[in-house]
Amino acid sequence: MYQLLIIAGNLGKDPEMRYTPSGQAVTSFNVATNRSYTDGNGQQVKETTWFKVNVWGKQAESTHNYLKKGSKVIVEGRLICDPATGSPRIFKRTDGSSGTSFEINASNVRFLSSKDEQPDNAQPAEDLPF
């Protein structure tokens, strides 16, 4: 069996890079995907889904150096599920409420924004769950 998830969206904040104890680079960032549609009552509905993305190795370094908040990307990878439930990861927010997180281990990240197109004033991501 094989799993491949492909998302296209914008980074909600600048990527964060760290190194594992063995020295391997890992970069994490959040991607917002957007969908607009008209519901049964004729009302416009805007829907945003957030994904936490982890990128490893050399691609982690280039992702960290190139991308910033608002960058457009296509991410290919596999969905990481909560080992206990098989569902999205469950977490507690600072206000004590529960939330879920869709997480992806990326195998490929395609940069869609050129350096000149990188927004300096990207829209804030108030509903970021992480």
C-alpha atoms as a PDB file:
ATOM      1  CA  MET A   1       0.000   0.000   0.000  1.00  0.00           C
ATOM      2  CA  TYR A   2       1.103   3.551  -0.681  1.00  0.00           C
ATOM      3  CA  GLN A   3      -0.027   6.966   0.476  1.00  0.00           C
ATOM      4  CA  LEU A   4       0.653  10.296  -1.237  1.00  0.00           C
ATOM      5  CA  LEU A   5      -0.896  13.579  -0.185  1.00  0.00           C
ATOM      6  CA  ILE A   6      -0.493  16.708  -2.320  1.00  0.00           C
ATOM      7  CA  ILE A   7      -1.451  20.156  -1.034  1.00  0.00           C
ATOM      8  CA  ALA A   8      -1.008  23.645  -2.466  1.00  0.00           C
ATOM      9  CA  GLY A   9      -1.163  26.712  -0.284  1.00  0.00           C
ATOM     10  CA  ASN A  10       0.608  29.522   1.529  1.00  0.00           C
ATOM     11  CA  LEU A  11       2.921  29.471   4.543  1.00  0.00           C
ATOM     12  CA  GLY A  12       1.289  30.901   7.667  1.00  0.00           C
ATOM     13  CA  LYS A  13       4.599  31.951   9.244  1.00  0.00           C
ATOM     14  CA  ASP A  14       8.324  31.679   8.600  1.00  0.00           C
ATOM     15  CA  PRO A  15       9.759  28.120   8.609  1.00  0.00           C
ATOM     16  CA  GLU A  16      11.665  26.941  11.683  1.00  0.00           C
ATOM     17  CA  MET A  17      14.734  24.699  11.293  1.00  0.00           C
ATOM     18  CA  ARG A  18      16.390  22.508  13.907  1.00  0.00           C
ATOM     19  CA  TYR A  19      18.770  19.558  13.911  1.00  0.00           C
ATOM     20  CA  THR A  20      18.238  16.063  15.296  1.00  0.00           C
ATOM     21  CA  PRO A  21      20.836  14.688  17.748  1.00  0.00           C
ATOM     22  CA  SER A  22      22.400  12.837  14.803  1.00  0.00           C
ATOM     23  CA  GLY A  23      22.831  16.152  12.946  1.00  0.00           C
ATOM     24  CA  GLN A  24      20.039  15.796  10.373  1.00  0.00           C
ATOM     25  CA  ALA A  25      18.243  19.035   9.475  1.00  0.00           C
ATOM     26  CA  VAL A  26      14.459  19.205   9.867  1.00  0.00           C
ATOM     27  CA  THR A  27      12.375  22.248   8.955  1.00  0.00           C
ATOM     28  CA  SER A  28       8.773  22.722  10.041  1.00  0.00           C
ATOM     29  CA  PHE A  29       6.225  25.154   8.641  1.00  0.00           C
ATOM     30  CA  ASN A  30       2.453  25.557   8.391  1.00  0.00           C
ATOM     31  CA  VAL A  31       0.535  25.661   5.113  1.00  0.00           C
ATOM     32  CA  ALA A  32      -2.979  27.036   4.689  1.00  0.00           C
ATOM     33  CA  THR A  33      -5.114  25.633   1.902  1.00  0.00           C
ATOM     34  CA  ASN A  34      -8.204  27.602   0.899  1.00  0.00           C
ATOM     35  CA  ARG A  35     -11.491  26.654  -0.702  1.00  0.00           C
ATOM     36  CA  SER A  36     -14.423  28.892  -1.635  1.00  0.00           C
ATOM     37  CA  TYR A  37     -17.866  27.711  -2.619  1.00  0.00           C
ATOM     38  CA  THR A  38     -21.532  28.701  -2.572  1.00  0.00           C
ATOM     39  CA  ASP A  39     -23.674  26.768  -0.090  1.00  0.00           C
ATOM     40  CA  GLY A  40     -27.275  25.631  -0.589  1.00  0.00           C
ATOM     41  CA  ASN A  41     -28.579  29.025   0.622  1.00  0.00           C
ATOM     42  CA  GLY A  42     -26.539  30.952  -1.954  1.00  0.00           C
ATOM     43  CA  GLN A  43     -24.031  32.199   0.631  1.00  0.00           C
ATOM     44  CA  GLN A  44     -20.319  32.370  -0.182  1.00  0.00           C
ATOM     45  CA  VAL A  45     -18.320  30.122   2.150  1.00  0.00           C
ATOM     46  CA  LYS A  46     -14.565  30.393   2.605  1.00  0.00           C
ATOM     47  CA  GLU A  47     -12.868  27.385   4.154  1.00  0.00           C
ATOM     48  CA  THR A  48      -9.236  27.191   5.336  1.00  0.00           C
ATOM     49  CA  THR A  49      -7.476  23.981   6.341  1.00  0.00           C
ATOM     50  CA  TRP A  50      -4.073  24.114   8.051  1.00  0.00           C
ATOM     51  CA  PHE A  51      -1.322  21.517   7.690  1.00  0.00           C
ATOM     52  CA  LYS A  52       1.905  21.221   9.672  1.00  0.00           C
ATOM     53  CA  VAL A  53       4.717  20.158   7.321  1.00  0.00           C
ATOM     54  CA  ASN A  54       8.066  18.600   8.256  1.00  0.00           C
ATOM     55  CA  VAL A  55      10.881  18.490   5.688  1.00  0.00           C
ATOM     56  CA  TRP A  56      14.117  16.550   6.246  1.00  0.00           C
ATOM     57  CA  GLY A  57      17.737  16.667   5.057  1.00  0.00           C
ATOM     58  CA  LYS A  58      19.078  18.993   2.355  1.00  0.00           C
ATOM     59  CA  GLN A  59      15.582  19.994   1.312  1.00  0.00           C
ATOM     60  CA  ALA A  60      14.979  21.150   4.908  1.00  0.00           C
ATOM     61  CA  GLU A  61      17.907  23.554   4.599  1.00  0.00           C
ATOM     62  CA  SER A  62      16.810  25.015   1.239  1.00  0.00           C
ATOM     63  CA  THR A  63      13.215  25.278   2.451  1.00  0.00           C
ATOM     64  CA  HIS A  64      14.353  27.176   5.540  1.00  0.00           C
ATOM     65  CA  ASN A  65      16.589  29.515   3.512  1.00  0.00           C
ATOM     66  CA  TYR A  66      14.137  30.256   0.704  1.00  0.00           C
ATOM     67  CA  LEU A  67      10.589  30.273   2.092  1.00  0.00           C
ATOM     68  CA  LYS A  68       8.930  32.784   4.372  1.00  0.00           C
ATOM     69  CA  LYS A  69       5.460  33.681   5.595  1.00  0.00           C
ATOM     70  CA  GLY A  70       3.079  33.960   2.637  1.00  0.00           C
ATOM     71  CA  SER A  71       5.203  31.880   0.215  1.00  0.00           C
ATOM     72  CA  LYS A  72       3.208  29.701  -2.169  1.00  0.00           C
ATOM     73  CA  VAL A  73       4.155  26.006  -2.194  1.00  0.00           C
ATOM     74  CA  ILE A  74       3.072  22.584  -3.364  1.00  0.00           C
ATOM     75  CA  VAL A  75       3.885  19.878  -0.834  1.00  0.00           C
ATOM     76  CA  GLU A  76       3.975  16.158  -1.590  1.00  0.00           C
ATOM     77  CA  GLY A  77       4.260  13.692   1.265  1.00  0.00           C
ATOM     78  CA  ARG A  78       2.504  11.336   3.575  1.00  0.00           C
ATOM     79  CA  LEU A  79      -0.006  12.102   6.301  1.00  0.00           C
ATOM     80  CA  ILE A  80       1.231  11.434   9.839  1.00  0.00           C
ATOM     81  CA  CYS A  81      -1.486  10.078  12.103  1.00  0.00           C
ATOM     82  CA  ASP A  82      -1.719   9.907  15.870  1.00  0.00           C
ATOM     83  CA  PRO A  83      -0.335   6.437  16.726  1.00  0.00           C
ATOM     84  CA  ALA A  84      -2.977   5.886  19.408  1.00  0.00           C
ATOM     85  CA  THR A  85      -6.049   6.746  17.321  1.00  0.00           C
ATOM     86  CA  GLY A  86      -5.041   6.656  13.634  1.00  0.00           C
ATOM     87  CA  SER A  87      -6.666  10.094  13.347  1.00  0.00           C
ATOM     88  CA  PRO A  88      -5.139  13.567  13.077  1.00  0.00           C
ATOM     89  CA  ARG A  89      -2.945  14.441  16.063  1.00  0.00           C
ATOM     90  CA  ILE A  90      -4.878  15.802  19.029  1.00  0.00           C
ATOM     91  CA  PHE A  91      -3.464  18.663  21.108  1.00  0.00           C
ATOM     92  CA  LYS A  92      -4.510  21.100  23.847  1.00  0.00           C
ATOM     93  CA  ARG A  93      -4.631  24.810  23.037  1.00  0.00           C
ATOM     94  CA  THR A  94      -3.372  27.393  25.516  1.00  0.00           C
ATOM     95  CA  ASP A  95      -6.989  28.130  26.476  1.00  0.00           C
ATOM     96  CA  GLY A  96      -7.484  24.452  27.413  1.00  0.00           C
ATOM     97  CA  SER A  97      -9.669  23.505  24.442  1.00  0.00           C
ATOM     98  CA  SER A  98      -8.794  20.529  22.250  1.00  0.00           C
ATOM     99  CA  GLY A  99      -7.685  20.779  18.653  1.00  0.00           C
ATOM    100  CA  THR A 100      -6.452  18.516  15.894  1.00  0.00           C
ATOM    101  CA  SER A 101      -3.452  18.843  13.623  1.00  0.00           C
ATOM    102  CA  PHE A 102      -2.999  17.477  10.127  1.00  0.00           C
ATOM    103  CA  GLU A 103       0.719  16.717   9.797  1.00  0.00           C
ATOM    104  CA  ILE A 104       2.685  15.835   6.677  1.00  0.00           C
ATOM    105  CA  ASN A 105       6.179  14.386   6.313  1.00  0.00           C
ATOM    106  CA  ALA A 106       7.163  15.986   3.015  1.00  0.00           C
ATOM    107  CA  SER A 107       9.013  14.090   0.318  1.00  0.00           C
ATOM    108  CA  ASN A 108       9.020  17.082  -2.033  1.00  0.00           C
ATOM    109  CA  VAL A 109       8.362  20.803  -1.647  1.00  0.00           C
ATOM    110  CA  ARG A 110       7.944  22.902  -4.789  1.00  0.00           C
ATOM    111  CA  PHE A 111       8.440  26.644  -4.464  1.00  0.00           C
ATOM    112  CA  LEU A 112       5.794  28.530  -6.440  1.00  0.00           C
ATOM    113  CA  SER A 113       6.774  32.069  -5.422  1.00  0.00           C
ATOM    114  CA  SER A 114       9.899  33.634  -6.860  1.00  0.00           C
ATOM    115  CA  LYS A 115      12.100  35.711  -4.543  1.00  0.00           C
ATOM    116  CA  ASP A 116      10.560  38.856  -6.083  1.00  0.00           C
ATOM    117  CA  GLU A 117       7.010  37.617  -5.420  1.00  0.00           C
ATOM    118  CA  GLN A 118       7.581  36.890  -1.727  1.00  0.00           C
ATOM    119  CA  PRO A 119       5.064  38.968   0.238  1.00  0.00           C
ATOM    120  CA  ASP A 120       6.472  41.254   2.914  1.00  0.00           C
ATOM    121  CA  ASN A 121       3.059  41.830   4.448  1.00  0.00           C
ATOM    122  CA  ALA A 122       1.349  38.443   4.232  1.00  0.00           C
ATOM    123  CA  GLN A 123      -2.056  38.170   5.831  1.00  0.00           C
ATOM    124  CA  PRO A 124      -1.952  37.140   9.522  1.00  0.00           C
ATOM    125  CA  ALA A 125      -2.811  33.571  10.410  1.00  0.00           C
ATOM    126  CA  GLU A 126      -5.026  33.999  13.484  1.00  0.00           C
ATOM    127  CA  ASP A 127      -6.500  30.495  13.359  1.00  0.00           C
ATOM    128  CA  LEU A 128      -3.157  28.682  13.308  1.00  0.00           C
ATOM    129  CA  PRO A 129      -3.511  25.653  15.601  1.00  0.00           C
ATOM    130  CA  PHE A 130       0.206  25.282  16.401  1.00  0.00           C
END
